[in-house]
Structure formats: structure tokens, C-alpha cells
C-alpha atoms as a PDB file:
ATOM      1  CA  MET A   1      67.876-131.386  53.642  1.00  0.00           C
ATOM      2  CA  ASN A   2      68.309-134.474  51.834  1.00  0.00           C
ATOM      3  CA  LYS A   3      66.499-136.365  49.197  1.00  0.00           C
ATOM      4  CA  ASN A   4      64.482-138.335  51.694  1.00  0.00           C
ATOM      5  CA  ASP A   5      63.215-135.176  53.329  1.00  0.00           C
ATOM      6  CA  PHE A   6      62.135-133.860  49.930  1.00  0.00           C
ATOM      7  CA  GLU A   7      60.272-137.056  49.265  1.00  0.00           C
ATOM      8  CA  LYS A   8      58.470-136.794  52.608  1.00  0.00           C
ATOM      9  CA  ILE A   9      57.619-133.163  51.899  1.00  0.00           C
ATOM     10  CA  ASP A  10      56.425-134.165  48.407  1.00  0.00           C
ATOM     11  CA  SER A  11      54.298-136.946  49.867  1.00  0.00           C
ATOM     12  CA  ILE A  12      52.854-134.611  52.518  1.00  0.00           C
ATOM     13  CA  ILE A  13      52.162-131.964  49.853  1.00  0.00           C
ATOM     14  CA  ALA A  14      50.664-134.641  47.540  1.00  0.00           C
ATOM     15  CA  SER A  15      48.527-135.866  50.424  1.00  0.00           C
ATOM     16  CA  HIS A  16      47.329-132.334  51.221  1.00  0.00           C
ATOM     17  CA  VAL A  17      46.783-131.528  47.536  1.00  0.00           C
ATOM     18  CA  GLY A  18      44.869-134.825  47.098  1.00  0.00           C
ATOM     19  CA  SER A  19      42.605-134.208  50.114  1.00  0.00           C
ATOM     20  CA  PHE A  20      42.183-130.610  48.960  1.00  0.00           C
ATOM     21  CA  ALA A  21      41.295-131.842  45.447  1.00  0.00           C
ATOM     22  CA  ASP A  22      38.862-134.393  46.934  1.00  0.00           C
ATOM     23  CA  SER A  23      37.301-131.645  49.028  1.00  0.00           C
ATOM     24  CA  ILE A  24      37.033-129.329  45.997  1.00  0.00           C
ATOM     25  CA  GLN A  25      35.687-132.231  43.870  1.00  0.00           C
ATOM     26  CA  HIS A  26      33.066-133.041  46.566  1.00  0.00           C
ATOM     27  CA  LYS A  27      32.020-129.382  46.729  1.00  0.00           C
ATOM     28  CA  LEU A  28      31.853-129.175  42.938  1.00  0.00           C
ATOM     29  CA  ASP A  29      29.675-132.331  42.914  1.00  0.00           C
ATOM     30  CA  ILE A  30      27.303-130.681  45.412  1.00  0.00           C
ATOM     31  CA  VAL A  31      27.168-127.500  43.294  1.00  0.00           C
ATOM     32  CA  VAL A  32      26.504-129.566  40.125  1.00  0.00           C
ATOM     33  CA  GLU A  33      23.808-131.581  41.914  1.00  0.00           C
ATOM     34  CA  GLY A  34      22.208-128.327  43.118  1.00  0.00           C
ATOM     35  CA  HIS A  35      22.247-126.951  39.581  1.00  0.00           C
ATOM     36  CA  GLN A  36      20.599-130.148  38.300  1.00  0.00           C
ATOM     37  CA  MET A  37      17.877-129.896  40.962  1.00  0.00           C
ATOM     38  CA  LEU A  38      17.332-126.221  40.120  1.00  0.00           C
ATOM     39  CA  SER A  39      17.159-127.077  36.423  1.00  0.00           C
ATOM     40  CA  GLU A  40      14.517-129.762  37.082  1.00  0.00           C
ATOM     41  CA  LYS A  41      12.536-127.400  39.298  1.00  0.00           C
ATOM     42  CA  ILE A  42      12.706-124.668  36.644  1.00  0.00           C
ATOM     43  CA  ASP A  43      11.432-127.220  34.057  1.00  0.00           C
ATOM     44  CA  ARG A  44       8.468-128.107  36.305  1.00  0.00           C
ATOM     45  CA  VAL A  45       7.666-124.451  36.896  1.00  0.00           C
ATOM     46  CA  GLU A  46       7.946-123.802  33.170  1.00  0.00           C
ATOM     47  CA  GLU A  47       5.457-126.632  32.458  1.00  0.00           C
ATOM     48  CA  ARG A  48       3.010-125.224  34.985  1.00  0.00           C
ATOM     49  CA  LEU A  49       3.393-121.757  33.536  1.00  0.00           C
ATOM     50  CA  ASP A  50       2.801-123.140  30.032  1.00  0.00           C
ATOM     51  CA  LYS A  51      -0.409-124.788  31.238  1.00  0.00           C
ATOM     52  CA  ARG A  52      -1.546-121.580  32.921  1.00  0.00           C
ATOM     53  CA  MET A  53      -0.716-119.552  29.837  1.00  0.00           C
ATOM     54  CA  ASP A  54      -2.745-121.980  27.693  1.00  0.00           C
ATOM     55  CA  CYS A  55      -5.639-121.635  30.131  1.00  0.00           C
ATOM     56  CA  LEU A  56      -5.359-117.836  30.045  1.00  0.00           C
ATOM     57  CA  GLU A  57      -5.296-117.851  26.243  1.00  0.00           C
ATOM     58  CA  HIS A  58      -8.434-120.003  26.231  1.00  0.00           C
ATOM     59  CA  LYS A  59     -10.147-117.635  28.658  1.00  0.00           C
ATOM     60  CA  LEU A  60      -9.110-114.601  26.611  1.00  0.00           C
ATOM     61  CA  VAL A  61     -10.610-116.177  23.495  1.00  0.00           C
ATOM     62  CA  ALA A  62     -13.848-116.836  25.415  1.00  0.00           C
ATOM     63  CA  VAL A  63     -13.936-113.261  26.722  1.00  0.00           C
ATOM     64  CA  ALA A  64     -13.317-111.909  23.221  1.00  0.00           C
ATOM     65  CA  ALA A  65     -16.190-114.000  21.851  1.00  0.00           C
ATOM     66  CA  GLU A  66     -18.491-112.872  24.635  1.00  0.00           C
ATOM     67  CA  THR A  67     -17.487-109.245  24.110  1.00  0.00           C
ATOM     68  CA  SER A  68     -18.307-109.592  20.430  1.00  0.00           C
ATOM     69  CA  CYS A  69     -21.745-110.986  21.287  1.00  0.00           C
ATOM     70  CA  ASN A  70     -22.317-108.187  23.801  1.00  0.00           C
ATOM     71  CA  THR A  71     -21.320-105.574  21.225  1.00  0.00           C
ATOM     72  CA  THR A  72     -23.890-106.988  18.805  1.00  0.00           C
ATOM     73  CA  ALA A  73     -26.527-107.002  21.549  1.00  0.00           C
ATOM     74  CA  ILE A  74     -25.742-103.376  22.435  1.00  0.00           C
ATOM     75  CA  ARG A  75     -26.093-102.343  18.785  1.00  0.00           C
ATOM     76  CA  ASP A  76     -29.441-104.150  18.598  1.00  0.00           C
ATOM     77  CA  LEU A  77     -30.580-102.389  21.786  1.00  0.00           C
ATOM     78  CA  ALA A  78     -29.564 -99.037  20.345  1.00  0.00           C
ATOM     79  CA  THR A  79     -31.702 -99.706  17.272  1.00  0.00           C
ATOM     80  CA  GLU A  80     -34.597-100.856  19.436  1.00  0.00           C
ATOM     81  CA  THR A  81     -34.257 -97.773  21.661  1.00  0.00           C
ATOM     82  CA  SER A  82     -34.492 -95.551  18.608  1.00  0.00           C
ATOM     83  CA  SER A  83     -37.712 -97.233  17.494  1.00  0.00           C
ATOM     84  CA  ASN A  84     -39.040 -97.018  21.092  1.00  0.00           C
ATOM     85  CA  THR A  85     -38.421 -93.272  21.069  1.00  0.00           C
ATOM     86  CA  ASP A  86     -40.665 -92.957  18.005  1.00  0.00           C
ATOM     87  CA  ALA A  87     -43.327 -95.052  19.743  1.00  0.00           C
ATOM     88  CA  ILE A  88     -43.115 -92.838  22.841  1.00  0.00           C
ATOM     89  CA  LYS A  89     -43.685 -89.745  20.683  1.00  0.00           C
ATOM     90  CA  ARG A  90     -46.782 -91.379  19.157  1.00  0.00           C
ATOM     91  CA  LEU A  91     -48.041 -92.311  22.645  1.00  0.00           C
ATOM     92  CA  ALA A  92     -47.559 -88.717  23.817  1.00  0.00           C
ATOM     93  CA  THR A  93     -49.813 -87.525  20.984  1.00  0.00           C
ATOM     94  CA  GLU A  94     -52.421 -90.171  21.843  1.00  0.00           C
ATOM     95  CA  THR A  95     -52.238 -89.178  25.522  1.00  0.00           C
ATOM     96  CA  SER A  96     -52.994 -85.599  24.627  1.00  0.00           C
ATOM     97  CA  SER A  97     -56.090 -86.618  22.669  1.00  0.00           C
ATOM     98  CA  ASN A  98     -57.102 -88.978  25.513  1.00  0.00           C
ATOM     99  CA  THR A  99     -56.873 -86.063  27.967  1.00  0.00           C
ATOM    100  CA  ASP A 100     -59.437 -84.182  25.914  1.00  0.00           C
ATOM    101  CA  ALA A 101     -61.710 -87.245  25.909  1.00  0.00           C
ATOM    102  CA  ILE A 102     -61.363 -87.535  29.687  1.00  0.00           C
ATOM    103  CA  LYS A 103     -62.446 -83.916  30.099  1.00  0.00           C
ATOM    104  CA  ARG A 104     -65.572 -84.635  28.017  1.00  0.00           C
ATOM    105  CA  LEU A 105     -66.276 -87.737  30.114  1.00  0.00           C
ATOM    106  CA  ALA A 106     -65.930 -85.695  33.315  1.00  0.00           C
ATOM    107  CA  THR A 107     -68.692 -83.405  32.070  1.00  0.00           C
ATOM    108  CA  GLU A 108     -70.897 -86.408  31.257  1.00  0.00           C
ATOM    109  CA  THR A 109     -70.116 -87.910  34.668  1.00  0.00           C
ATOM    110  CA  SER A 110     -71.485 -84.912  36.524  1.00  0.00           C
ATOM    111  CA  SER A 111     -74.833 -85.407  34.760  1.00  0.00           C
ATOM    112  CA  ASN A 112     -74.726 -89.097  35.640  1.00  0.00           C
ATOM    113  CA  THR A 113     -74.280 -88.209  39.325  1.00  0.00           C
ATOM    114  CA  ASP A 114     -77.927 -87.195  39.594  1.00  0.00           C
ATOM    115  CA  ALA A 115     -79.000 -90.512  38.100  1.00  0.00           C
ATOM    116  CA  ILE A 116     -76.771 -92.323  40.596  1.00  0.00           C
ATOM    117  CA  LYS A 117     -78.420 -90.469  43.505  1.00  0.00           C
ATOM    118  CA  ARG A 118     -81.848 -91.630  42.288  1.00  0.00           C
ATOM    119  CA  LEU A 119     -80.547 -95.200  42.024  1.00  0.00           C
ATOM    120  CA  ALA A 120     -79.164 -94.944  45.562  1.00  0.00           C
ATOM    121  CA  MET A 121     -82.673 -94.113  46.868  1.00  0.00           C
ATOM    122  CA  GLU A 122     -84.128 -97.091  44.999  1.00  0.00           C
ATOM    123  CA  THR A 123     -81.333 -99.299  46.361  1.00  0.00           C
ATOM    124  CA  SER A 124     -82.179 -98.203  49.905  1.00  0.00           C
ATOM    125  CA  ALA A 125     -85.795 -99.276  49.403  1.00  0.00           C
ATOM    126  CA  ASN A 126     -84.646-102.586  47.901  1.00  0.00           C
ATOM    127  CA  THR A 127     -82.358-103.150  50.877  1.00  0.00           C
ATOM    128  CA  ALA A 128     -85.312-102.947  53.256  1.00  0.00           C
ATOM    129  CA  ALA A 129     -87.211-105.463  51.102  1.00  0.00           C
ATOM    130  CA  ILE A 130     -84.203-107.799  51.112  1.00  0.00           C
ATOM    131  CA  LYS A 131     -84.041-107.629  54.926  1.00  0.00           C
ATOM    132  CA  ASP A 132     -87.705-108.665  55.095  1.00  0.00           C
ATOM    133  CA  LEU A 133     -86.978-111.568  52.729  1.00  0.00           C
ATOM    134  CA  ALA A 134     -84.015-112.589  54.907  1.00  0.00           C
ATOM    135  CA  VAL A 135     -86.296-112.906  57.960  1.00  0.00           C
ATOM    136  CA  GLU A 136     -88.774-114.965  55.922  1.00  0.00           C
ATOM    137  CA  THR A 137     -85.951-117.132  54.535  1.00  0.00           C
ATOM    138  CA  SER A 138     -84.704-117.771  58.068  1.00  0.00           C
ATOM    139  CA  GLY A 139     -88.126-119.178  58.975  1.00  0.00           C
ATOM    140  CA  ASN A 140     -88.081-121.363  55.841  1.00  0.00           C
ATOM    141  CA  THR A 141     -84.614-122.647  56.754  1.00  0.00           C
ATOM    142  CA  VAL A 142     -85.907-123.851  60.136  1.00  0.00           C
ATOM    143  CA  ALA A 143     -88.819-125.617  58.422  1.00  0.00           C
ATOM    144  CA  ILE A 144     -86.440-127.264  55.918  1.00  0.00           C
ATOM    145  CA  ARG A 145     -84.274-128.551  58.761  1.00  0.00           C
ATOM    146  CA  LYS A 146     -87.346-130.096  60.424  1.00  0.00           C
ATOM    147  CA  LEU A 147     -88.248-131.784  57.108  1.00  0.00           C
ATOM    148  CA  ASP A 148     -84.675-133.051  56.826  1.00  0.00           C
ATOM    149  CA  VAL A 149     -84.968-134.734  60.247  1.00  0.00           C
ATOM    150  CA  LYS A 150     -88.289-136.298  59.242  1.00  0.00           C
ATOM    151  CA  LEU A 151     -86.827-137.584  55.935  1.00  0.00           C
ATOM    152  CA  ASP A 152     -83.903-139.138  57.817  1.00  0.00           C
ATOM    153  CA  ALA A 153     -86.374-140.924  60.106  1.00  0.00           C
ATOM    154  CA  VAL A 154     -88.389-142.224  57.112  1.00  0.00           C
ATOM    155  CA  ALA A 155     -85.170-143.416  55.441  1.00  0.00           C
ATOM    156  CA  ALA A 156     -84.144-145.244  58.614  1.00  0.00           C
ATOM    157  CA  ASP A 157     -87.584-146.911  58.842  1.00  0.00           C
ATOM    158  CA  LEU A 158     -87.399-147.901  55.160  1.00  0.00           C
ATOM    159  CA  SER A 159     -83.914-149.363  55.639  1.00  0.00           C
ATOM    160  CA  ALA A 160     -85.085-151.367  58.661  1.00  0.00           C
ATOM    161  CA  HIS A 161     -88.105-152.621  56.697  1.00  0.00           C
ATOM    162  CA  ARG A 162     -85.870-153.721  53.796  1.00  0.00           C
ATOM    163  CA  ARG A 163     -83.537-155.623  56.140  1.00  0.00           C
ATOM    164  CA  ASP A 164     -86.557-157.323  57.712  1.00  0.00           C
ATOM    165  CA  THR A 165     -87.910-158.223  54.264  1.00  0.00           C
ATOM    166  CA  GLU A 166     -84.555-159.594  53.117  1.00  0.00           C
ATOM    167  CA  ALA A 167     -84.247-161.547  56.369  1.00  0.00           C
ATOM    168  CA  HIS A 168     -87.509-163.437  55.543  1.00  0.00           C
ATOM    169  CA  PRO A 169     -87.162-164.301  51.865  1.00  0.00           C
ATOM    170  CA  THR A 170     -89.772-167.094  52.025  1.00  0.00           C
ATOM    171  CA  ILE A 171     -92.482-164.747  53.218  1.00  0.00           C
ATOM    172  CA  TYR A 172     -91.565-161.547  51.371  1.00  0.00           C
ATOM    173  CA  LYS A 173     -89.813-160.940  48.090  1.00  0.00           C
ATOM    174  CA  VAL A 174     -87.923-157.741  47.275  1.00  0.00           C
ATOM    175  CA  LYS A 175     -88.560-156.492  43.754  1.00  0.00           C
ATOM    176  CA  GLU A 176     -86.113-153.963  42.351  1.00  0.00           C
ATOM    177  CA  GLY A 177     -86.975-151.340  39.729  1.00  0.00           C
ATOM    178  CA  ILE A 178     -90.770-151.236  40.011  1.00  0.00           C
END
């Protein structure tokens, strides 16, 4: 092998090493570009997570405030329940005394039953009288309807007479408010 052959081998090796280096460089560029894209995506996800965390913190503060208000309301209800228990005890005592009063009224009611029976007999007699009045009223209603028809006829005649009078102003004069 001579010097020329070594130069050819060197050039072939340099050519292969160069294309290999270009290939490695291209692949490294792709890996770097991928890492940059992943870094940007991670930044976007981190921003969204920060926003969600802020929202969650805000909601937790609101829930804590509401819980505090509810705790106060529950304490107030406990106090009110205690006072209601005392009121219920007083009402139980009143109910007992009212039961005794009801028993006395039941005794009085039995004596009033006889009076009610007498009133029922009187009411029966009054009912018969009312039925008689209803028959008489029915006859009066018929008479009133007949009078109503007659009044309508008189009103129609009066209206016709007024029109006739107003139609002949030189002969007749209408005087209002006499």
C-alpha cells in the first residue's frame, strides 16, 4: 500500500465519519428540538395547574368561611333548642291543666244536650213556617215579575213620547228638572 492508497482510505474514512457526524448531529438536533417542545408543553401545563391551584385555594377559602358561618348557626340553633325544651315543659304543664278544664266542660256539655234537643224541636217548627213563607214568596216573585214587565212597557211609552215631543219643538217644549 502506498501513500496514495492511504490518502484514499483517509478520504473515505473522513467521508464516512463526516456523514456519520452529520447524521448524529441531525439526530441530536431532533432530540434537542423535542426537549424544547416538551419544556414548552411542561410550562403550559404548569401555568394551567397554577391557575387551577389558585382557583382551588379560592374555593377552599370560601368553604372555610361558609363552614364558620354554619358553625355559628349550629351553635345558635343549639341555644334555641335548649330554650324550646323549657317552653315545651311549660306547655306540658299547661296541657295537663287544660285536660282538667276539658273534663269539666264535658260535664257541662251533657247538661247542654237537653237544651239543644229542645232547640231542635223549636227549629223543626220554624222550618215548617219557613217553608210556608217560601211558597208565599214564590207567589210574590211572580207578581213582581209582572210589575217589571208593566214598568218596562211604561218606560218604553215614556221614551216614545219624549222622542215625539223633541221631534216637534215648536209645539211642545221639554222641561228638565220639574
